Amino acid sequence: MEKPNFTIKGNICHTTPDGALSLHPDSYLVCENGVCTGVFPQLPDWAPQTVIDYGDLLVIPGLNDLHIHAPQFTFRGLGMDRELMQWLETYTFPEEAKYKALEYADEAYTIFADHMRRSATTRACVFATIHRPATELLMQKMEETGLVTYVGKVNMDQMSPQYLIEDTAQSERDTIDWLEATIDRFARTKPIITPRFIPTCSSQLLAALGRIAADYNIPVQSHLSENREEIAIVSKLEPDAASYGHAYDKYGLLGGNSPCVMAHCVHSSDIELELIRKRGVFIAHSPESNLNVSSGIAPIARYLDMGLNVGLATDVAGGSSECMFKAMAHAIQSSHMYWRLIDDSWPQLTFADVFHMATRISGAFFGKVGAFDPGYAFDALVIDDSNLLTPKPLTLTERLERLPYLATPQHIVAKYINATPLF
């Protein structure tokens, strides 16, 4: 198949590798053979002469959501008066049990997929449920959206309602069968090993999932150090582990051989953070979720200073929306509260920080993604902010800075993934 060759003209905005804004007004973004060739102030003679002129609109990299629960989309905005463990028991587990019925899964996942297609998200790491047929159905629906995603069949064999507890051996067999059925089925949708978290997985199941991840060379996603009650449970279940992260690591589930993304890391100890750094783990910072279910405020400025791979996530339904613009705003706001209430020795996050996290850092989990550098995937959003009216003349930086607070999917007029326009 011939790969796309074209040029986009507009206000091209992304970040440099070190996180600075890289703004190019009235410039040209060139796509050759389906990937970015670079950004230029004038159209090069050698560049594709098919130019799509977006005038004064903003062109930014697609946003990458490192952690979202598809089956929880049905109850987003509910139960925000409960802490994590109680919220799981009251809302999450009863809802996820419904996905045993494919009719319900089909209706729910259709709604989820439609919202994701229209959203600012171009790539995502997605949790499904323990149910293999419903997980495969979700993968099919995500493939049809045009997004690039990892989708995980969840594993749970203990400390859960009886209706969600899997037999350990059966969970292992179902995971292998699911991988065999899906690993090469789709072009854009791939499987990812997904222990829900250590409290709901026995040591036997964790060891099996570690072996499977290594045998099939596929990524891992889960939760890490989100809530103090959760951490206390893990310390009792894995008393020989130096930290929650070390418990995953001893089963081969904390990266090293294949990519790993862990959501939250709100209360990670220094020894755990050093292990995260050593293993190259991606942290899916989920600021709204951490506030909604009272988990806490992660010291993200410190993590970034350590050189950790800290991306952004919506974490529906702990987070109330799939909108990554909102996740950027919540990240800034949470950092303000951390600075004001906990430790003012670390700076507050800026717009440039969270833009970098949502694009280039999160994108790195998927490869050369999240920027317009030569050789990067051509993932782009074209945003029309003209109806965000103000008499004040705005710089290009100011127009960008408003997006986390004011932009909605309705402002996205074009969305490209791997150089293919979705709309």
Protein backbone atom coordinates (compact mmCIF):
# COMPACT_ATOMS: atom_id res chain seq x y z
CA MET A 1 0.00 0.00 0.00
CA GLU A 2 1.33 3.41 -0.94
CA LYS A 3 2.09 5.56 2.10
CA PRO A 4 0.75 9.12 2.30
CA ASN A 5 2.75 12.12 1.11
CA PHE A 6 1.33 15.56 1.84
CA THR A 7 1.97 18.82 3.66
CA ILE A 8 -0.07 20.63 6.29
CA LYS A 9 0.11 24.40 6.66
CA GLY A 10 -0.85 26.13 9.91
CA ASN A 11 0.46 27.13 13.32
CA ILE A 12 2.57 24.07 14.10
CA CYS A 13 3.17 23.50 17.82
CA HIS A 14 5.00 20.72 19.67
CA THR A 15 7.82 20.34 22.22
CA THR A 16 11.54 19.76 22.03
CA PRO A 17 13.07 16.62 23.59
CA ASP A 18 13.90 18.59 26.74
CA GLY A 19 10.32 19.84 27.13
CA ALA A 20 10.44 23.38 25.78
CA LEU A 21 7.66 24.66 23.56
CA SER A 22 8.57 24.61 19.86
CA LEU A 23 6.21 27.00 18.05
CA HIS A 24 6.14 27.59 14.30
CA PRO A 25 3.53 30.12 13.15
CA ASP A 26 2.33 29.96 9.56
CA SER A 27 4.59 27.00 8.80
CA TYR A 28 4.61 23.71 6.95
CA LEU A 29 4.48 20.22 8.48
CA VAL A 30 5.67 17.71 5.90
CA CYS A 31 4.60 14.08 5.74
CA GLU A 32 6.57 11.69 3.53
CA ASN A 33 5.92 7.97 3.31
CA GLY A 34 3.47 8.23 6.19
CA VAL A 35 5.85 9.82 8.75
CA CYS A 36 6.92 13.33 9.70
CA THR A 37 9.80 14.85 7.78
CA GLY A 38 9.87 18.05 9.83
CA VAL A 39 8.52 21.56 10.20
CA PHE A 40 9.63 24.35 7.82
CA PRO A 41 8.97 28.11 7.57
CA GLN A 42 8.64 27.81 3.78
CA LEU A 43 7.58 24.83 1.69
CA PRO A 44 10.77 23.05 0.54
CA ASP A 45 11.08 22.35 -3.18
CA TRP A 46 11.43 18.63 -2.48
CA ALA A 47 8.37 18.44 -0.18
CA PRO A 48 5.01 17.02 -1.33
CA GLN A 49 3.22 19.81 -3.14
CA THR A 50 -0.19 18.61 -1.99
CA VAL A 51 -0.78 21.21 0.72
CA ILE A 52 -3.72 21.18 3.13
CA ASP A 53 -3.93 24.78 4.28
CA TYR A 54 -5.46 25.17 7.76
CA GLY A 55 -4.84 28.91 7.83
CA ASP A 56 -4.60 30.29 11.35
CA LEU A 57 -5.63 27.05 13.09
CA LEU A 58 -3.45 25.25 15.63
CA VAL A 59 -1.74 22.00 14.69
CA ILE A 60 -0.47 19.92 17.63
CA PRO A 61 0.59 16.30 18.11
CA GLY A 62 -2.12 13.86 19.09
CA LEU A 63 -2.56 13.34 22.83
CA ASN A 64 -1.73 9.95 24.32
CA ASP A 65 -3.72 8.51 27.23
CA LEU A 66 -1.63 6.01 29.19
CA HIS A 67 -4.44 4.68 31.40
CA ILE A 68 -8.20 4.40 30.88
CA HIS A 69 -10.82 1.78 31.88
CA ALA A 70 -13.26 1.19 29.01
CA PRO A 71 -15.91 -0.71 31.06
CA GLN A 72 -16.02 2.09 33.63
CA PHE A 73 -17.06 4.67 31.04
CA THR A 74 -20.70 3.85 31.85
CA PHE A 75 -20.50 5.29 35.37
CA ARG A 76 -18.11 8.19 34.92
CA GLY A 77 -18.95 10.97 37.35
CA LEU A 78 -20.46 8.63 39.96
CA GLY A 79 -19.22 7.60 43.38
CA MET A 80 -16.77 10.41 43.88
CA ASP A 81 -17.63 10.53 47.59
CA ARG A 82 -15.72 7.28 48.27
CA GLU A 83 -12.08 6.31 48.58
CA LEU A 84 -10.48 3.89 46.14
CA MET A 85 -11.08 0.50 47.77
CA GLN A 86 -14.68 1.31 48.75
CA TRP A 87 -15.33 2.83 45.32
CA LEU A 88 -14.12 -0.37 43.63
CA GLU A 89 -16.39 -2.52 45.77
CA THR A 90 -19.46 -0.30 45.40
CA TYR A 91 -19.27 0.83 41.77
CA THR A 92 -16.49 -0.75 39.74
CA PHE A 93 -16.77 -4.45 40.46
CA PRO A 94 -20.59 -4.68 40.09
CA GLU A 95 -20.40 -2.78 36.80
CA GLU A 96 -17.55 -4.82 35.34
CA ALA A 97 -19.45 -8.04 36.09
CA LYS A 98 -22.06 -6.98 33.51
CA TYR A 99 -19.55 -7.48 30.68
CA LYS A 100 -20.07 -11.22 30.89
CA ALA A 101 -23.10 -10.45 28.70
CA LEU A 102 -21.90 -9.56 25.20
CA GLU A 103 -25.07 -7.59 24.49
CA TYR A 104 -24.28 -5.20 27.32
CA ALA A 105 -20.61 -5.05 26.37
CA ASP A 106 -21.52 -4.23 22.79
CA GLU A 107 -23.71 -1.30 23.79
CA ALA A 108 -21.26 0.05 26.36
CA TYR A 109 -18.13 -0.33 24.25
CA THR A 110 -19.81 1.27 21.23
CA ILE A 111 -20.40 4.40 23.31
CA PHE A 112 -16.82 4.32 24.61
CA ALA A 113 -15.30 3.85 21.16
CA ASP A 114 -17.39 6.67 19.66
CA HIS A 115 -16.23 9.08 22.35
CA MET A 116 -12.61 8.05 21.95
CA ARG A 117 -12.71 8.51 18.19
CA ARG A 118 -13.99 12.08 18.56
CA SER A 119 -11.64 12.94 21.45
CA ALA A 120 -8.16 14.49 21.41
CA THR A 121 -6.68 11.05 22.12
CA THR A 122 -4.80 9.37 19.29
CA ARG A 123 -3.20 6.49 21.25
CA ALA A 124 -4.20 4.87 24.52
CA CYS A 125 -3.60 2.04 26.99
CA VAL A 126 -6.98 0.54 27.83
CA PHE A 127 -8.23 -1.82 30.53
CA ALA A 128 -11.10 -4.17 29.66
CA THR A 129 -12.50 -6.77 32.12
CA ILE A 130 -11.75 -10.42 32.95
CA HIS A 131 -14.11 -11.55 30.18
CA ARG A 132 -12.28 -12.72 27.08
CA PRO A 133 -15.18 -12.40 24.55
CA ALA A 134 -15.96 -8.86 25.69
CA THR A 135 -12.28 -7.93 25.58
CA GLU A 136 -11.99 -9.14 21.99
CA LEU A 137 -15.14 -7.18 21.15
CA LEU A 138 -13.57 -4.04 22.63
CA MET A 139 -10.43 -4.61 20.58
CA GLN A 140 -12.50 -4.86 17.41
CA LYS A 141 -14.32 -1.63 18.21
CA MET A 142 -11.09 0.21 19.01
CA GLU A 143 -9.59 -1.02 15.73
CA GLU A 144 -12.55 0.49 13.89
CA THR A 145 -11.98 3.92 15.49
CA GLY A 146 -8.59 4.30 13.81
CA LEU A 147 -6.84 4.95 17.13
CA VAL A 148 -3.69 3.04 18.06
CA THR A 149 -4.29 1.22 21.34
CA TYR A 150 -3.14 -1.47 23.70
CA VAL A 151 -6.11 -3.30 25.21
CA GLY A 152 -5.79 -5.64 28.18
CA LYS A 153 -7.86 -8.55 29.41
CA VAL A 154 -7.86 -8.02 33.18
CA ASN A 155 -6.67 -10.80 35.53
CA MET A 156 -8.08 -11.29 39.06
CA ASP A 157 -8.13 -14.44 41.19
CA GLN A 158 -8.42 -13.24 44.80
CA MET A 159 -9.68 -10.49 47.13
CA SER A 160 -12.56 -9.64 44.80
CA PRO A 161 -16.28 -10.40 44.67
CA GLN A 162 -16.90 -14.04 43.85
CA TYR A 163 -18.51 -13.10 40.54
CA LEU A 164 -15.19 -11.58 39.36
CA ILE A 165 -12.74 -14.12 40.76
CA GLU A 166 -11.12 -16.31 38.12
CA ASP A 167 -9.70 -19.75 38.68
CA THR A 168 -5.93 -19.22 38.63
CA ALA A 169 -5.15 -21.88 36.04
CA GLN A 170 -8.13 -20.85 33.92
CA SER A 171 -7.05 -17.20 34.03
CA GLU A 172 -3.65 -18.21 32.69
CA ARG A 173 -5.17 -20.37 29.93
CA ASP A 174 -7.69 -17.69 28.94
CA THR A 175 -4.92 -15.10 28.73
CA ILE A 176 -2.81 -17.31 26.47
CA ASP A 177 -5.82 -18.18 24.28
CA TRP A 178 -6.73 -14.48 24.05
CA LEU A 179 -3.19 -13.56 23.05
CA GLU A 180 -3.06 -16.29 20.41
CA ALA A 181 -6.35 -15.04 19.00
CA THR A 182 -5.54 -11.32 18.93
CA ILE A 183 -1.81 -10.67 18.81
CA ASP A 184 -1.77 -10.51 15.00
CA ARG A 185 -5.47 -9.94 14.29
CA PHE A 186 -5.50 -6.16 14.20
CA ALA A 187 -3.33 -3.50 12.58
CA ARG A 188 -3.64 -0.83 15.28
CA THR A 189 -4.94 -2.67 18.36
CA LYS A 190 -2.57 -4.87 20.33
CA PRO A 191 -2.85 -6.87 23.57
CA ILE A 192 -1.19 -5.90 26.83
CA ILE A 193 -0.80 -8.02 29.96
CA THR A 194 -3.10 -6.57 32.66
CA PRO A 195 -3.06 -7.79 36.25
CA ARG A 196 -5.58 -5.48 37.87
CA PHE A 197 -3.21 -4.92 40.78
CA ILE A 198 -1.37 -7.08 43.26
CA PRO A 199 -4.17 -7.30 45.87
CA THR A 200 -6.43 -9.08 43.34
CA CYS A 201 -3.76 -11.42 41.93
CA SER A 202 -2.21 -14.41 43.69
CA SER A 203 1.52 -15.01 43.54
CA GLN A 204 0.85 -17.98 41.24
CA LEU A 205 -1.10 -15.81 38.81
CA LEU A 206 1.44 -12.98 38.91
CA ALA A 207 4.23 -15.45 38.15
CA ALA A 208 2.25 -16.89 35.23
CA LEU A 209 1.56 -13.43 33.80
CA GLY A 210 5.24 -12.55 34.05
CA ARG A 211 6.13 -15.67 32.09
CA ILE A 212 3.48 -14.91 29.48
CA ALA A 213 4.68 -11.31 29.05
CA ALA A 214 8.22 -12.59 28.49
CA ASP A 215 7.21 -15.47 26.19
CA TYR A 216 5.10 -13.23 23.96
CA ASN A 217 7.26 -10.11 24.38
CA ILE A 218 4.31 -7.83 25.04
CA PRO A 219 3.90 -4.86 27.40
CA VAL A 220 2.39 -4.81 30.88
CA GLN A 221 -0.01 -2.34 32.48
CA SER A 222 -1.31 -2.13 36.04
CA HIS A 223 -1.64 0.11 39.10
CA LEU A 224 1.12 1.04 41.53
CA SER A 225 1.18 2.85 44.88
CA GLU A 226 -2.10 4.64 44.28
CA ASN A 227 -3.63 4.50 47.75
CA ARG A 228 -2.17 3.99 51.24
CA GLU A 229 -4.68 1.25 52.13
CA GLU A 230 -3.75 -0.59 48.94
CA ILE A 231 -0.03 -0.30 49.74
CA ALA A 232 -0.62 -1.73 53.22
CA ILE A 233 -2.41 -4.73 51.71
CA VAL A 234 0.48 -5.36 49.32
CA SER A 235 3.02 -5.21 52.16
CA LYS A 236 1.13 -8.01 53.91
CA LEU A 237 0.73 -10.09 50.76
CA GLU A 238 4.37 -9.64 49.69
CA PRO A 239 6.32 -9.18 52.96
CA ASP A 240 9.67 -9.96 51.35
CA ALA A 241 9.34 -7.18 48.75
CA ALA A 242 11.18 -3.93 49.46
CA SER A 243 8.30 -1.97 47.93
CA TYR A 244 5.07 -2.43 45.98
CA GLY A 245 7.11 -2.00 42.80
CA HIS A 246 9.57 -4.68 43.89
CA ALA A 247 6.65 -7.08 44.27
CA TYR A 248 5.78 -6.63 40.59
CA ASP A 249 9.43 -6.82 39.67
CA LYS A 250 10.04 -10.21 41.25
CA TYR A 251 7.38 -11.65 38.94
CA GLY A 252 8.83 -9.99 35.83
CA LEU A 253 5.99 -7.48 35.60
CA LEU A 254 7.87 -4.18 35.95
CA GLY A 255 9.47 -3.75 32.57
CA GLY A 256 13.05 -4.44 31.66
CA ASN A 257 12.40 -6.81 28.77
CA SER A 258 9.24 -5.16 27.46
CA PRO A 259 7.55 -1.78 28.02
CA CYS A 260 5.60 -1.28 31.23
CA VAL A 261 3.16 1.43 32.28
CA MET A 262 2.02 1.79 35.88
CA ALA A 263 -0.79 4.13 36.82
CA HIS A 264 -0.56 6.64 39.66
CA CYS A 265 2.61 6.15 41.78
CA VAL A 266 1.19 8.72 44.18
CA HIS A 267 2.99 7.35 47.25
CA SER A 268 6.08 5.72 45.72
CA SER A 269 9.04 5.47 48.08
CA ASP A 270 12.55 6.49 47.07
CA ILE A 271 13.58 2.85 46.65
CA GLU A 272 10.55 2.21 44.45
CA LEU A 273 11.24 5.29 42.35
CA GLU A 274 14.81 4.19 41.77
CA LEU A 275 13.52 0.81 40.57
CA ILE A 276 11.02 2.57 38.27
CA ARG A 277 13.87 4.63 36.82
CA LYS A 278 16.11 1.60 36.40
CA ARG A 279 13.41 -0.43 34.65
CA GLY A 280 12.31 2.44 32.40
CA VAL A 281 8.72 2.19 33.60
CA PHE A 282 6.23 4.76 32.36
CA ILE A 283 4.13 6.43 35.06
CA ALA A 284 0.57 7.22 34.00
CA HIS A 285 -0.16 10.35 36.05
CA SER A 286 -3.92 10.45 36.62
CA PRO A 287 -4.48 13.70 38.53
CA GLU A 288 -8.27 13.95 38.50
CA SER A 289 -8.71 10.33 39.56
CA ASN A 290 -6.24 10.80 42.41
CA LEU A 291 -8.34 13.70 43.68
CA ASN A 292 -11.74 12.10 43.10
CA VAL A 293 -11.07 8.89 45.01
CA SER A 294 -8.93 10.63 47.64
CA SER A 295 -5.67 8.89 46.76
CA GLY A 296 -3.47 11.96 47.13
CA ILE A 297 -1.30 14.29 45.05
CA ALA A 298 1.71 12.86 43.28
CA PRO A 299 4.95 14.93 43.33
CA ILE A 300 5.20 15.04 39.56
CA ALA A 301 7.73 17.90 39.36
CA ARG A 302 10.11 15.80 41.45
CA TYR A 303 9.54 12.75 39.23
CA LEU A 304 10.26 14.76 36.10
CA ASP A 305 13.40 16.17 37.72
CA MET A 306 14.51 12.57 38.36
CA GLY A 307 14.17 11.86 34.64
CA LEU A 308 11.27 9.46 35.07
CA ASN A 309 8.92 8.77 32.15
CA VAL A 310 5.83 10.55 33.46
CA GLY A 311 2.98 10.66 31.00
CA LEU A 312 -0.67 11.66 31.43
CA ALA A 313 -3.88 9.68 31.75
CA THR A 314 -7.59 10.28 32.23
CA ASP A 315 -8.22 7.08 34.24
CA VAL A 316 -11.94 6.96 33.58
CA ALA A 317 -13.96 6.40 35.74
CA GLY A 318 -11.77 7.56 38.58
CA GLY A 319 -11.42 10.48 36.21
CA SER A 320 -14.73 11.87 35.00
CA SER A 321 -13.90 12.31 31.32
CA GLU A 322 -11.87 10.87 28.45
CA CYS A 323 -10.78 14.43 27.58
CA MET A 324 -6.99 14.68 27.70
CA PHE A 325 -7.22 18.48 27.65
CA LYS A 326 -8.89 18.22 31.06
CA ALA A 327 -6.17 15.85 32.25
CA MET A 328 -3.61 18.53 31.38
CA ALA A 329 -5.54 21.13 33.39
CA HIS A 330 -5.92 18.81 36.36
CA ALA A 331 -2.19 18.07 36.30
CA ILE A 332 -1.40 21.78 36.56
CA GLN A 333 -3.98 22.34 39.29
CA SER A 334 -2.81 19.34 41.34
CA SER A 335 0.77 20.54 41.18
CA HIS A 336 -0.36 23.92 42.53
CA MET A 337 -1.92 22.18 45.54
CA TYR A 338 1.17 20.04 46.07
CA TRP A 339 3.32 23.19 46.04
CA ARG A 340 0.98 25.11 48.35
CA LEU A 341 0.04 22.39 50.83
CA ILE A 342 2.82 19.77 50.84
CA ASP A 343 6.23 20.88 49.58
CA ASP A 344 7.01 24.26 48.07
CA SER A 345 10.57 23.26 47.23
CA TRP A 346 9.31 21.78 43.97
CA PRO A 347 7.96 24.09 41.25
CA GLN A 348 4.42 24.04 39.97
CA LEU A 349 3.91 22.38 36.60
CA THR A 350 3.58 24.72 33.64
CA PHE A 351 1.56 24.37 30.47
CA ALA A 352 4.73 23.37 28.64
CA ASP A 353 5.30 20.58 31.18
CA VAL A 354 1.88 18.99 30.80
CA PHE A 355 1.81 19.49 27.02
CA HIS A 356 5.13 17.65 26.88
CA MET A 357 3.79 14.89 29.15
CA ALA A 358 0.63 14.38 27.09
CA THR A 359 2.44 14.33 23.76
CA ARG A 360 6.13 13.42 23.62
CA ILE A 361 6.56 11.58 26.95
CA SER A 362 3.33 9.56 26.79
CA GLY A 363 3.92 9.01 23.09
CA ALA A 364 7.30 7.39 23.73
CA PHE A 365 5.48 4.36 25.18
CA PHE A 366 4.26 3.70 21.63
CA GLY A 367 7.58 4.43 19.90
CA LYS A 368 8.55 7.55 17.96
CA VAL A 369 5.29 9.31 18.75
CA GLY A 370 4.17 12.63 20.18
CA ALA A 371 6.20 15.23 18.25
CA PHE A 372 6.81 16.44 14.70
CA ASP A 373 10.49 15.51 14.56
CA PRO A 374 11.77 13.74 11.43
CA GLY A 375 10.89 10.07 11.53
CA TYR A 376 8.08 10.44 14.07
CA ALA A 377 4.61 9.03 13.49
CA PHE A 378 2.33 11.56 11.81
CA ASP A 379 -0.26 11.93 14.60
CA ALA A 380 -1.81 15.39 14.62
CA LEU A 381 -4.80 17.37 15.81
CA VAL A 382 -6.01 20.50 14.04
CA ILE A 383 -7.78 22.81 16.45
CA ASP A 384 -10.04 25.74 15.62
CA ASP A 385 -10.06 28.02 18.67
CA SER A 386 -11.70 30.94 16.87
CA ASN A 387 -14.94 30.69 18.85
CA LEU A 388 -13.11 31.07 22.17
CA LEU A 389 -13.81 34.76 21.87
CA THR A 390 -11.81 37.52 23.52
CA PRO A 391 -11.00 41.14 22.59
CA LYS A 392 -7.48 40.59 23.93
CA PRO A 393 -4.84 39.91 21.26
CA LEU A 394 -3.30 36.53 22.03
CA THR A 395 0.11 35.18 21.25
CA LEU A 396 0.45 31.69 19.89
CA THR A 397 1.67 30.56 23.32
CA GLU A 398 -1.42 32.05 24.99
CA ARG A 399 -3.74 30.36 22.49
CA LEU A 400 -2.15 27.04 23.34
CA GLU A 401 -2.21 27.69 27.07
CA ARG A 402 -6.00 28.09 27.02
CA LEU A 403 -6.62 24.67 25.52
CA PRO A 404 -6.52 22.58 28.73
CA TYR A 405 -9.20 24.79 30.26
CA LEU A 406 -11.38 25.69 27.29
CA ALA A 407 -10.98 23.16 24.47
CA THR A 408 -13.53 20.42 23.81
CA PRO A 409 -13.78 17.76 21.08
CA GLN A 410 -15.89 20.23 19.12
CA HIS A 411 -12.77 22.35 18.59
CA ILE A 412 -10.96 19.50 16.82
CA VAL A 413 -11.59 19.91 13.10
CA ALA A 414 -9.16 17.25 11.87
CA LYS A 415 -7.43 14.25 13.45
CA TYR A 416 -4.60 12.29 11.85
CA ILE A 417 -3.13 9.01 13.10
CA ASN A 418 -0.19 7.51 11.20
CA ALA A 419 -0.92 10.09 8.48
CA THR A 420 -4.48 8.81 8.03
CA PRO A 421 -7.25 11.38 8.58
CA LEU A 422 -10.01 10.12 10.87
CA PHE A 423 -12.12 13.19 10.10
